Amino acid sequence: MSGSGDPDAIKAGIEATRAHLGRTVDELSHRLDVPARARERAYRARDTAVETYRESPPAVLGAGLALVAVVVGVVVWRGKRSSPRRQR
């Protein structure tokens, strides 16, 4: 602290420190609130998907169908690999 003994300056310094500490505590509590952060990310992802769909529905539907085809292909491929092989 400065060497000034002005009470108004001391009060202003205390208030500034208190405000800074309050912002720091708020930021830390936000960072530690994992469920709230997960909800925020889910809402952002949903909003992005909806906005993308509104801008270009055929592209989104095509990408969705391609994803389903890939998943089905992987499931079928793994099923064939894990089935017992015939011995000659």
Protein backbone atom coordinates (compact mmCIF):
# COMPACT_ATOMS: atom_id res chain seq x y z
CA MET A 1 0.00 0.00 0.00
CA SER A 2 1.03 3.58 -0.41
CA GLY A 3 2.18 5.64 2.53
CA SER A 4 -0.74 8.03 2.17
CA GLY A 5 -2.95 8.25 5.23
CA ASP A 6 -5.91 9.66 3.31
CA PRO A 7 -8.96 7.70 4.51
CA ASP A 8 -10.77 8.15 1.19
CA ALA A 9 -7.81 6.70 -0.72
CA ILE A 10 -7.62 3.77 1.69
CA LYS A 11 -11.37 3.11 1.32
CA ALA A 12 -11.10 3.31 -2.46
CA GLY A 13 -8.21 0.83 -2.40
CA ILE A 14 -10.18 -1.54 -0.19
CA GLU A 15 -13.23 -1.34 -2.47
CA ALA A 16 -11.11 -1.96 -5.57
CA THR A 17 -9.48 -4.97 -3.91
CA ARG A 18 -12.87 -6.28 -2.80
CA ALA A 19 -14.29 -5.94 -6.31
CA HIS A 20 -11.28 -7.70 -7.81
CA LEU A 21 -11.53 -10.51 -5.25
CA GLY A 22 -15.26 -10.86 -5.96
CA ARG A 23 -14.62 -11.24 -9.70
CA THR A 24 -11.91 -13.81 -9.00
CA VAL A 25 -14.19 -15.86 -6.76
CA ASP A 26 -16.99 -15.71 -9.35
CA GLU A 27 -14.63 -16.90 -12.09
CA LEU A 28 -13.32 -19.77 -9.95
CA SER A 29 -16.80 -20.89 -8.96
CA HIS A 30 -17.85 -20.85 -12.62
CA ARG A 31 -14.82 -22.92 -13.62
CA LEU A 32 -15.49 -25.47 -10.87
CA ASP A 33 -19.20 -25.85 -11.71
CA VAL A 34 -18.73 -28.75 -14.12
CA PRO A 35 -22.43 -29.65 -14.58
CA ALA A 36 -23.28 -26.06 -15.54
CA ARG A 37 -20.38 -25.93 -17.99
CA ALA A 38 -21.48 -29.23 -19.53
CA ARG A 39 -25.02 -27.88 -19.96
CA GLU A 40 -23.65 -24.72 -21.60
CA ARG A 41 -21.61 -26.79 -24.06
CA ALA A 42 -24.61 -29.00 -24.84
CA TYR A 43 -26.80 -25.95 -25.48
CA ARG A 44 -24.13 -24.38 -27.71
CA ALA A 45 -23.76 -27.62 -29.68
CA ARG A 46 -27.51 -27.90 -30.07
CA ASP A 47 -27.81 -24.30 -31.21
CA THR A 48 -24.98 -24.78 -33.69
CA ALA A 49 -26.62 -27.92 -35.10
CA VAL A 50 -30.00 -26.21 -35.43
CA GLU A 51 -28.47 -23.17 -37.10
CA THR A 52 -26.50 -25.37 -39.50
CA TYR A 53 -29.66 -27.31 -40.34
CA ARG A 54 -31.59 -24.10 -40.99
CA GLU A 55 -28.88 -22.86 -43.35
CA SER A 56 -28.49 -26.10 -45.32
CA PRO A 57 -30.91 -28.95 -44.54
CA PRO A 58 -29.83 -31.30 -47.37
CA ALA A 59 -26.18 -31.15 -46.33
CA VAL A 60 -27.03 -31.93 -42.71
CA LEU A 61 -29.30 -34.80 -43.69
CA GLY A 62 -26.65 -36.16 -46.03
CA ALA A 63 -24.00 -35.97 -43.33
CA GLY A 64 -26.35 -37.72 -40.89
CA LEU A 65 -27.05 -40.52 -43.34
CA ALA A 66 -23.32 -40.89 -44.06
CA LEU A 67 -22.63 -41.16 -40.33
CA VAL A 68 -25.31 -43.84 -39.93
CA ALA A 69 -23.85 -45.76 -42.90
CA VAL A 70 -20.37 -45.65 -41.38
CA VAL A 71 -21.63 -46.88 -38.01
CA VAL A 72 -23.59 -49.73 -39.63
CA GLY A 73 -20.56 -50.63 -41.74
CA VAL A 74 -18.28 -50.77 -38.69
CA VAL A 75 -20.78 -52.92 -36.78
CA VAL A 76 -21.12 -55.37 -39.68
CA TRP A 77 -17.36 -55.46 -40.26
CA ARG A 78 -16.63 -56.15 -36.57
CA GLY A 79 -19.33 -58.82 -36.51
CA LYS A 80 -17.71 -60.63 -39.42
CA ARG A 81 -14.23 -60.35 -37.86
CA SER A 82 -15.32 -61.72 -34.51
CA SER A 83 -17.31 -64.67 -35.84
CA PRO A 84 -15.53 -68.04 -35.52
CA ARG A 85 -13.60 -69.02 -38.64
CA ARG A 86 -14.07 -72.38 -40.22
CA GLN A 87 -11.13 -74.71 -40.16
CA ARG A 88 -10.31 -76.76 -43.27
